[in-house]
Amino acid sequence: MSVANQVPNRIANILVNALKGGVVPRVGLEYITVGRGQEIAAILHDIEMIEAGSASFRFVVGKYGSGKSFLLQTIRNYATAKGFVVVDADLSPERRFAGTKGQGLATYKELIQNLSTKSKPDGGALPLVLERWISGIQATVKAETNASGAEFDELVERQIYAVAGLLEGMVNGFEFAKAVVAYWRAYRTDDAAMKSNVLRWFRGEYPSRKEAKEELGINFIVTDETWYDFLKVFAAFLVGAGYKGMLVVIDELVNIFKIPNSITRANNYEKILTMYNDVLQGKASHIGFLMGATPQCIEDKYKGVFSYEALRSRLAEGHFATADVKDLSAPIIRLQMLSQEEMYVLVEKLLHIHAQLYHYTPTLSHEELVYFLNVEYNRVGAQTHITPREIIRDFIELVNILHQNPQKSVAEILGGNSFELAKGGLFDEEIHSEFEEFEV
């Protein structure tokens, strides 16, 4: 396949190893994306609106292994390529939206630690963002004037204050602006210690306001109560620094569902409600939220998001949407499993990437790929429980074994496993005919 032949070996290695391990790779997803066209188009429209100054809030809901995290990662990569800053985090018992032991702040710290841009897609981009912003202002001043020395610094500082001034009307914006100016002064004097302190403050790492006041002259720190407002200020600053906006990607919302204490769960859902209302009421701009969740953690009426009535009434679908006819502008995007035809296209892509990585000519025929998928889809319970993750892991295991044992045939390997084929034999005519049109 021509697309697969263009995959760099480093990317091919990451793809194969990550997918075999059951995790979503952070790079190379464009080479294996199959289906999800409507869902991706809907979220990309959101991104256009964020760039235009609006805000968005979406839940991406799917079973474990259905491709939920894959979709989130695909959008993350697209957004950074478009000039957005993306922050992402997985929730856990230690990272929530609110808590009595700093769990909300822990989520904020994780988000800022994973701050990514096009030129630094793997996180840790905060110093780069600040210094690119300062360099951009310096270049603008240099292009517009002939000033030098102290006069040049004064003009640059005036521009710095102009951007900072735009933030001061926002909640916590005045303190953020002071930190921005402190970073500029440390940058100008090459004060590495002060730059490090300001970065610590942005990352929410100061334990007390007293310490921040002594070291930075700023009588404020990010806390469990203020971290969301601080993200909104960050988004406004990033636009002033030349980026298109901020995308916040939060996965594993199921960890809120798992909280045993009902009051703590309610506090977390209250924080989600605050963010959701802000977005829909126009109180937030240039920022978007994507949250990954399972159907149970959304719909469970005792512990899920829908157990919080204010959220259920806002998020529940109307009377006309069905599993087949979806409203993709709704706040919840529900992922259906990939079709059998789409899975065929995906395993074919993976076969060529694997062959390129290990320098061999793929010999698996169309019939053998159909045979493999027949085995997978004819497992007992596959209709309701099989997921793309499982099929992908099994397929990479199959091609690994075939490559390492060239004397073995597909029939020998698949025939000796524990899968139970449904009646109709190895090549069910109906499924076989569905795949025929995808033969390459």
Protein backbone atom coordinates (compact mmCIF):
# COMPACT_ATOMS: atom_id res chain seq x y z
CA MET A 1 0.00 0.00 0.00
CA SER A 2 1.37 3.37 -0.94
CA VAL A 3 0.35 5.07 2.33
CA ALA A 4 1.93 2.40 4.49
CA ASN A 5 5.17 2.57 2.46
CA GLN A 6 5.55 6.17 3.57
CA VAL A 7 5.51 5.37 7.29
CA PRO A 8 8.92 6.20 8.84
CA ASN A 9 10.42 3.14 10.54
CA ARG A 10 10.52 4.90 13.92
CA ILE A 11 6.77 5.58 13.65
CA ALA A 12 6.05 2.05 12.41
CA ASN A 13 7.89 0.61 15.41
CA ILE A 14 5.91 2.80 17.84
CA LEU A 15 2.62 1.85 16.16
CA VAL A 16 3.22 -1.89 16.23
CA ASN A 17 4.57 -2.00 19.79
CA ALA A 18 1.90 0.28 21.24
CA LEU A 19 -1.00 -1.50 19.56
CA LYS A 20 0.35 -4.91 20.54
CA GLY A 21 0.48 -3.65 24.14
CA GLY A 22 -3.12 -2.44 23.96
CA VAL A 23 -2.28 1.27 24.29
CA VAL A 24 -2.86 4.20 21.94
CA PRO A 25 0.32 5.52 20.28
CA ARG A 26 0.83 9.28 20.48
CA VAL A 27 2.22 9.53 16.95
CA GLY A 28 1.46 8.04 13.55
CA LEU A 29 -2.29 7.72 14.00
CA GLU A 30 -2.93 9.23 10.57
CA TYR A 31 -1.50 6.05 9.02
CA ILE A 32 -4.06 3.75 10.64
CA THR A 33 -7.17 5.88 11.10
CA VAL A 34 -10.21 4.05 9.75
CA GLY A 35 -13.86 5.12 10.00
CA ARG A 36 -14.93 7.80 12.49
CA GLY A 37 -15.22 10.30 9.66
CA GLN A 38 -18.43 11.88 10.95
CA GLU A 39 -17.21 12.07 14.55
CA ILE A 40 -13.88 13.60 13.55
CA ALA A 41 -15.61 16.13 11.28
CA ALA A 42 -17.90 17.21 14.13
CA ILE A 43 -14.98 17.80 16.52
CA LEU A 44 -12.93 19.57 13.84
CA HIS A 45 -15.84 21.97 13.41
CA ASP A 46 -15.59 22.65 17.16
CA ILE A 47 -11.90 23.42 16.71
CA GLU A 48 -12.71 25.95 13.99
CA MET A 49 -15.16 27.63 16.38
CA ILE A 50 -12.54 27.72 19.16
CA GLU A 51 -10.10 29.41 16.78
CA ALA A 52 -12.79 31.99 15.99
CA GLY A 53 -13.11 32.85 19.70
CA SER A 54 -15.83 30.47 20.84
CA ALA A 55 -15.55 27.48 23.19
CA SER A 56 -16.68 23.85 23.09
CA PHE A 57 -17.40 20.98 25.45
CA ARG A 58 -17.81 17.35 24.34
CA PHE A 59 -17.96 13.92 25.90
CA VAL A 60 -16.59 11.12 23.70
CA VAL A 61 -18.31 7.97 24.94
CA GLY A 62 -17.41 4.40 24.05
CA LYS A 63 -16.78 0.99 25.58
CA TYR A 64 -13.28 -0.03 26.65
CA GLY A 65 -11.31 -0.80 23.51
CA SER A 66 -13.83 0.83 21.17
CA GLY A 67 -11.38 3.47 19.93
CA LYS A 68 -12.32 6.30 22.32
CA SER A 69 -8.75 7.10 23.38
CA PHE A 70 -7.62 6.63 19.77
CA LEU A 71 -10.07 9.31 18.62
CA LEU A 72 -9.01 11.70 21.39
CA GLN A 73 -5.35 11.23 20.45
CA THR A 74 -6.11 11.76 16.75
CA ILE A 75 -7.85 15.07 17.53
CA ARG A 76 -4.99 16.06 19.85
CA ASN A 77 -2.47 15.57 17.05
CA TYR A 78 -4.63 17.47 14.57
CA ALA A 79 -5.06 20.41 16.95
CA THR A 80 -1.32 20.84 17.60
CA ALA A 81 -0.67 20.65 13.84
CA LYS A 82 -3.23 23.46 13.38
CA GLY A 83 -1.41 25.77 15.81
CA PHE A 84 -3.32 24.99 19.00
CA VAL A 85 -1.82 24.29 22.39
CA VAL A 86 -3.13 20.99 23.78
CA VAL A 87 -3.07 19.94 27.42
CA ASP A 88 -4.14 16.41 28.32
CA ALA A 89 -4.48 14.20 31.39
CA ASP A 90 -5.96 10.88 32.44
CA LEU A 91 -8.01 11.01 35.61
CA SER A 92 -7.10 8.63 38.45
CA PRO A 93 -7.78 8.31 42.20
CA GLU A 94 -5.15 11.05 42.68
CA ARG A 95 -6.37 13.26 39.81
CA ARG A 96 -9.96 14.47 39.79
CA PHE A 97 -11.82 17.73 39.18
CA ALA A 98 -12.24 18.39 42.91
CA GLY A 99 -11.20 16.73 46.16
CA THR A 100 -10.19 17.27 49.75
CA LYS A 101 -6.55 16.28 49.17
CA GLY A 102 -5.57 18.47 46.24
CA GLN A 103 -6.86 16.13 43.51
CA GLY A 104 -8.13 19.03 41.39
CA LEU A 105 -4.76 20.76 41.56
CA ALA A 106 -3.08 17.43 40.70
CA THR A 107 -5.13 17.31 37.49
CA TYR A 108 -4.10 20.88 36.65
CA LYS A 109 -0.41 20.01 37.24
CA GLU A 110 -0.70 17.00 34.93
CA LEU A 111 -2.38 19.11 32.24
CA ILE A 112 0.34 21.79 32.30
CA GLN A 113 3.12 19.18 32.44
CA ASN A 114 1.65 17.68 29.24
CA LEU A 115 1.27 21.06 27.51
CA SER A 116 2.08 20.34 23.85
CA THR A 117 2.57 22.35 20.67
CA LYS A 118 3.36 21.46 17.07
CA SER A 119 7.10 21.85 17.64
CA LYS A 120 7.03 20.03 20.99
CA PRO A 121 4.24 17.43 20.69
CA ASP A 122 5.25 15.26 23.65
CA GLY A 123 4.56 17.78 26.43
CA GLY A 124 6.75 20.09 28.51
CA ALA A 125 6.27 22.98 26.07
CA LEU A 126 5.57 25.76 28.61
CA PRO A 127 9.08 27.33 28.56
CA LEU A 128 9.08 27.13 24.76
CA VAL A 129 5.69 28.88 24.58
CA LEU A 130 6.84 31.74 26.82
CA GLU A 131 10.14 32.25 25.04
CA ARG A 132 8.58 32.02 21.58
CA TRP A 133 6.13 34.72 22.67
CA ILE A 134 8.91 37.01 23.92
CA SER A 135 11.02 36.40 20.79
CA GLY A 136 7.99 37.23 18.64
CA ILE A 137 7.46 40.55 20.42
CA GLN A 138 11.17 41.38 20.11
CA ALA A 139 11.07 40.62 16.38
CA THR A 140 8.00 42.82 15.91
CA VAL A 141 9.60 45.75 17.76
CA LYS A 142 12.82 45.32 15.79
CA ALA A 143 10.91 45.35 12.50
CA GLU A 144 8.94 48.47 13.41
CA THR A 145 11.68 50.65 14.99
CA ASN A 146 15.40 51.30 14.91
CA ALA A 147 15.60 51.34 18.71
CA SER A 148 18.42 49.57 20.53
CA GLY A 149 19.70 49.02 24.05
CA ALA A 150 17.53 50.37 26.88
CA GLU A 151 15.08 52.01 24.47
CA PHE A 152 14.51 48.68 22.70
CA ASP A 153 13.94 46.88 26.03
CA GLU A 154 11.48 49.57 27.08
CA LEU A 155 9.45 49.19 23.86
CA VAL A 156 9.41 45.40 24.24
CA GLU A 157 8.28 45.71 27.86
CA ARG A 158 5.51 48.06 26.79
CA GLN A 159 4.27 45.40 24.34
CA ILE A 160 4.55 42.75 27.09
CA TYR A 161 2.41 44.91 29.38
CA ALA A 162 -0.11 45.43 26.55
CA VAL A 163 -0.70 41.66 26.28
CA ALA A 164 -0.67 41.26 30.05
CA GLY A 165 -3.19 44.09 30.35
CA LEU A 166 -5.67 42.13 28.25
CA LEU A 167 -5.67 39.43 30.92
CA GLU A 168 -6.19 41.67 33.93
CA GLY A 169 -9.95 41.86 33.56
CA MET A 170 -10.27 38.08 33.91
CA VAL A 171 -10.58 36.15 37.17
CA ASN A 172 -6.98 35.68 38.41
CA GLY A 173 -5.80 37.53 35.31
CA PHE A 174 -3.97 40.27 37.22
CA GLU A 175 -1.74 37.72 38.99
CA PHE A 176 -1.15 35.86 35.73
CA ALA A 177 -0.11 39.13 34.07
CA LYS A 178 2.36 39.84 36.88
CA ALA A 179 3.92 36.41 36.37
CA VAL A 180 4.21 37.00 32.64
CA VAL A 181 6.05 40.28 33.24
CA ALA A 182 8.29 38.60 35.87
CA TYR A 183 9.23 35.96 33.29
CA TRP A 184 10.09 38.65 30.73
CA ARG A 185 12.37 40.45 33.19
CA ALA A 186 14.10 37.19 34.12
CA TYR A 187 14.48 36.41 30.41
CA ARG A 188 15.98 39.84 29.71
CA THR A 189 18.52 39.57 32.55
CA ASP A 190 19.14 35.84 31.97
CA ASP A 191 18.07 35.07 35.54
CA ALA A 192 17.65 31.28 35.33
CA ALA A 193 16.54 30.94 38.96
CA MET A 194 13.73 33.48 38.56
CA LYS A 195 12.60 31.89 35.28
CA SER A 196 12.44 28.55 37.05
CA ASN A 197 10.39 30.05 39.89
CA VAL A 198 7.88 31.61 37.48
CA LEU A 199 7.52 28.30 35.65
CA ARG A 200 6.90 26.58 38.99
CA TRP A 201 4.16 29.11 39.70
CA PHE A 202 2.51 28.56 36.30
CA ARG A 203 2.63 24.81 36.89
CA GLY A 204 0.87 25.14 40.26
CA GLU A 205 3.84 23.86 42.24
CA TYR A 206 4.02 26.55 44.96
CA PRO A 207 2.73 25.09 48.24
CA SER A 208 1.70 28.42 49.79
CA ARG A 209 0.85 32.00 48.90
CA LYS A 210 3.48 33.18 51.39
CA GLU A 211 6.27 31.44 49.49
CA ALA A 212 5.01 32.79 46.15
CA LYS A 213 4.85 36.30 47.64
CA GLU A 214 8.42 36.08 48.96
CA GLU A 215 9.96 34.73 45.74
CA LEU A 216 7.83 36.36 43.05
CA GLY A 217 5.89 39.18 44.69
CA ILE A 218 2.63 37.44 43.69
CA ASN A 219 0.15 36.88 46.49
CA PHE A 220 -1.71 34.06 44.72
CA ILE A 221 -1.26 30.37 43.84
CA VAL A 222 -3.28 27.90 41.78
CA THR A 223 -5.49 25.76 44.04
CA ASP A 224 -8.26 23.16 43.84
CA GLU A 225 -10.78 26.00 43.69
CA THR A 226 -9.02 28.21 41.11
CA TRP A 227 -7.41 25.84 38.59
CA TYR A 228 -10.27 25.92 36.06
CA ASP A 229 -10.40 29.75 36.01
CA PHE A 230 -6.65 29.71 35.57
CA LEU A 231 -6.96 27.49 32.48
CA LYS A 232 -9.26 30.10 30.94
CA VAL A 233 -6.63 32.80 31.56
CA PHE A 234 -4.00 30.51 30.01
CA ALA A 235 -6.17 30.14 26.89
CA ALA A 236 -6.49 33.94 26.56
CA PHE A 237 -2.73 34.38 27.00
CA LEU A 238 -1.93 31.70 24.41
CA VAL A 239 -4.05 33.50 21.81
CA GLY A 240 -2.14 36.70 22.63
CA ALA A 241 1.07 34.74 22.17
CA GLY A 242 0.13 33.73 18.63
CA TYR A 243 -1.54 30.34 19.11
CA LYS A 244 -5.04 29.51 17.88
CA GLY A 245 -6.39 28.48 21.29
CA MET A 246 -6.25 25.74 23.91
CA LEU A 247 -7.70 22.23 23.73
CA VAL A 248 -8.12 20.37 27.05
CA VAL A 249 -8.30 16.58 26.64
CA ILE A 250 -9.27 14.58 29.73
CA ASP A 251 -9.67 10.80 29.55
CA GLU A 252 -10.71 8.09 32.01
CA LEU A 253 -13.74 9.94 33.39
CA VAL A 254 -14.68 6.52 34.78
CA ASN A 255 -12.47 7.35 37.78
CA ILE A 256 -15.13 9.84 38.94
CA PHE A 257 -17.77 7.13 38.60
CA LYS A 258 -15.63 4.86 40.81
CA ILE A 259 -15.47 7.33 43.74
CA PRO A 260 -17.26 5.55 46.62
CA ASN A 261 -18.31 8.72 48.49
CA SER A 262 -21.47 10.27 47.00
CA ILE A 263 -20.66 13.80 48.23
CA THR A 264 -17.19 13.71 46.65
CA ARG A 265 -18.69 12.42 43.38
CA ALA A 266 -21.27 15.23 43.43
CA ASN A 267 -18.52 17.83 43.98
CA ASN A 268 -16.74 16.53 40.88
CA TYR A 269 -19.89 16.58 38.80
CA GLU A 270 -20.53 20.13 40.06
CA LYS A 271 -17.14 21.15 38.65
CA ILE A 272 -18.01 19.56 35.30
CA LEU A 273 -21.30 21.46 35.35
CA THR A 274 -19.46 24.74 35.99
CA MET A 275 -17.20 24.17 32.99
CA TYR A 276 -20.08 23.06 30.78
CA ASN A 277 -22.22 26.09 31.70
CA ASP A 278 -19.30 28.48 31.15
CA VAL A 279 -18.79 27.13 27.63
CA LEU A 280 -22.45 27.20 26.62
CA GLN A 281 -23.12 30.61 28.16
CA GLY A 282 -20.19 32.24 26.38
CA LYS A 283 -18.14 32.87 29.54
CA ALA A 284 -15.15 31.01 28.09
CA SER A 285 -13.37 31.66 24.80
CA HIS A 286 -10.62 30.08 22.72
CA ILE A 287 -10.84 26.88 24.80
CA GLY A 288 -12.33 23.45 24.17
CA PHE A 289 -12.87 20.42 26.38
CA LEU A 290 -12.92 16.80 25.23
CA MET A 291 -13.70 14.19 27.90
CA GLY A 292 -13.42 10.46 27.34
CA ALA A 293 -15.91 8.24 29.16
CA THR A 294 -17.55 4.82 29.09
CA PRO A 295 -21.34 4.49 28.62
CA GLN A 296 -21.77 3.27 32.21
CA CYS A 297 -19.94 6.19 33.80
CA ILE A 298 -22.21 8.58 31.89
CA GLU A 299 -25.57 6.84 32.15
CA ASP A 300 -25.57 5.06 35.52
CA LYS A 301 -28.36 6.75 37.47
CA TYR A 302 -26.78 6.04 40.85
CA LYS A 303 -23.10 6.97 40.35
CA GLY A 304 -22.68 8.21 36.77
CA VAL A 305 -22.77 11.70 35.32
CA PHE A 306 -26.53 11.31 34.90
CA SER A 307 -26.89 10.78 38.67
CA TYR A 308 -26.32 14.54 38.90
CA GLU A 309 -29.67 15.86 37.75
CA ALA A 310 -28.41 19.23 36.54
CA LEU A 311 -26.03 17.43 34.15
CA ARG A 312 -28.51 14.74 33.11
CA SER A 313 -31.08 17.35 32.08
CA ARG A 314 -28.48 19.14 29.95
CA LEU A 315 -26.80 16.11 28.37
CA ALA A 316 -29.59 13.58 27.85
CA GLU A 317 -30.54 13.00 24.23
CA GLY A 318 -33.87 14.17 22.85
CA HIS A 319 -36.63 11.99 21.48
CA PHE A 320 -35.45 11.64 17.89
CA ALA A 321 -31.81 10.46 18.01
CA THR A 322 -31.26 6.70 17.73
CA ALA A 323 -28.27 4.35 17.48
CA ASP A 324 -28.50 4.66 13.68
CA VAL A 325 -29.44 8.34 13.45
CA LYS A 326 -27.16 10.42 15.66
CA ASP A 327 -27.02 14.14 16.36
CA LEU A 328 -23.30 14.81 16.12
CA SER A 329 -23.69 18.39 17.34
CA ALA A 330 -24.93 17.09 20.71
CA PRO A 331 -22.55 17.34 23.69
CA ILE A 332 -22.18 13.54 23.83
CA ILE A 333 -20.57 11.77 20.86
CA ARG A 334 -21.26 8.04 21.13
CA LEU A 335 -18.84 5.75 19.33
CA GLN A 336 -20.23 2.69 17.60
CA MET A 337 -17.90 -0.25 17.06
CA LEU A 338 -16.01 -0.21 13.75
CA SER A 339 -17.82 -2.22 11.10
CA GLN A 340 -16.37 -5.49 9.82
CA GLU A 341 -15.49 -3.80 6.54
CA GLU A 342 -13.60 -1.04 8.38
CA MET A 343 -11.75 -3.65 10.46
CA TYR A 344 -10.67 -5.35 7.24
CA VAL A 345 -9.17 -2.09 5.96
CA LEU A 346 -7.43 -1.56 9.32
CA VAL A 347 -5.80 -5.00 9.54
CA GLU A 348 -4.65 -4.66 5.94
CA LYS A 349 -2.95 -1.36 6.82
CA LEU A 350 -1.32 -2.98 9.86
CA LEU A 351 -0.09 -5.91 7.75
CA HIS A 352 1.78 -3.57 5.41
CA ILE A 353 3.22 -1.50 8.27
CA HIS A 354 4.44 -4.69 10.00
CA ALA A 355 5.98 -5.94 6.75
CA GLN A 356 7.76 -2.63 6.19
CA LEU A 357 9.08 -2.59 9.77
CA TYR A 358 10.53 -6.10 9.55
CA HIS A 359 11.60 -5.88 5.89
CA TYR A 360 9.57 -8.63 4.30
CA THR A 361 6.99 -8.90 1.55
CA PRO A 362 3.54 -9.60 3.02
CA THR A 363 2.14 -12.93 1.83
CA LEU A 364 -1.19 -12.98 3.67
CA SER A 365 -3.89 -13.17 1.04
CA HIS A 366 -7.29 -11.51 0.98
CA GLU A 367 -8.86 -14.86 1.89
CA GLU A 368 -6.54 -15.29 4.86
CA LEU A 369 -7.39 -11.83 6.20
CA VAL A 370 -11.06 -12.68 5.87
CA TYR A 371 -10.36 -16.01 7.59
CA PHE A 372 -8.73 -14.21 10.53
CA LEU A 373 -11.64 -11.78 10.90
CA ASN A 374 -14.11 -14.65 10.62
CA VAL A 375 -12.40 -16.35 13.54
CA GLU A 376 -12.53 -13.12 15.59
CA TYR A 377 -16.16 -12.28 14.85
CA ASN A 378 -17.35 -15.85 15.38
CA ARG A 379 -16.11 -16.07 18.94
CA VAL A 380 -18.76 -16.80 21.51
CA GLY A 381 -20.14 -13.44 22.65
CA ALA A 382 -18.29 -11.46 19.98
CA GLN A 383 -21.41 -9.63 18.82
CA THR A 384 -21.58 -7.69 22.07
CA HIS A 385 -18.08 -7.89 23.54
CA ILE A 386 -15.48 -7.89 20.75
CA THR A 387 -13.57 -4.59 20.45
CA PRO A 388 -11.12 -3.17 17.90
CA ARG A 389 -8.40 -3.26 20.59
CA GLU A 390 -8.72 -7.04 20.96
CA ILE A 391 -8.79 -7.68 17.22
CA ILE A 392 -5.74 -5.47 16.65
CA ARG A 393 -3.76 -7.19 19.41
CA ASP A 394 -4.66 -10.63 18.05
CA PHE A 395 -3.73 -9.61 14.51
CA ILE A 396 -0.31 -8.24 15.46
CA GLU A 397 0.30 -11.43 17.45
CA LEU A 398 -0.67 -13.46 14.35
CA VAL A 399 1.69 -11.60 11.99
CA ASN A 400 4.48 -11.74 14.59
CA ILE A 401 4.13 -15.52 14.83
CA LEU A 402 3.96 -15.91 11.06
CA HIS A 403 7.07 -13.77 10.60
CA GLN A 404 8.99 -15.66 13.29
CA ASN A 405 7.76 -19.08 12.10
CA PRO A 406 7.61 -18.90 8.30
CA GLN A 407 6.98 -22.63 8.05
CA LYS A 408 3.60 -22.17 9.76
CA SER A 409 0.40 -21.38 7.86
CA VAL A 410 -2.45 -19.14 8.96
CA ALA A 411 -4.75 -22.16 9.14
CA GLU A 412 -2.34 -23.98 11.46
CA ILE A 413 -2.05 -21.03 13.85
CA LEU A 414 -5.72 -20.09 13.93
CA GLY A 415 -6.91 -23.69 13.91
CA GLY A 416 -4.94 -24.52 17.01
CA ASN A 417 -6.21 -21.72 19.21
CA SER A 418 -9.13 -21.64 21.63
CA PHE A 419 -11.53 -19.61 19.45
CA GLU A 420 -14.84 -21.33 18.81
CA LEU A 421 -16.09 -20.81 15.31
CA ALA A 422 -19.78 -20.35 14.81
CA LYS A 423 -21.71 -22.68 12.55
CA GLY A 424 -21.14 -22.02 8.90
CA GLY A 425 -17.47 -22.96 8.81
CA LEU A 426 -14.40 -20.84 8.25
CA PHE A 427 -15.76 -18.71 5.44
CA ASP A 428 -19.28 -17.59 6.19
CA GLU A 429 -20.60 -16.51 2.80
CA GLU A 430 -22.35 -13.36 4.02
CA ILE A 431 -19.26 -11.98 5.81
CA HIS A 432 -17.00 -13.08 2.97
CA SER A 433 -19.08 -11.17 0.42
CA GLU A 434 -18.96 -8.03 2.61
CA PHE A 435 -15.16 -8.07 2.45
CA GLU A 436 -14.89 -8.85 -1.26
CA GLU A 437 -15.40 -5.22 -2.29
CA PHE A 438 -12.42 -4.17 -0.16
CA GLU A 439 -9.96 -6.46 -1.94
CA VAL A 440 -6.93 -4.50 -3.05
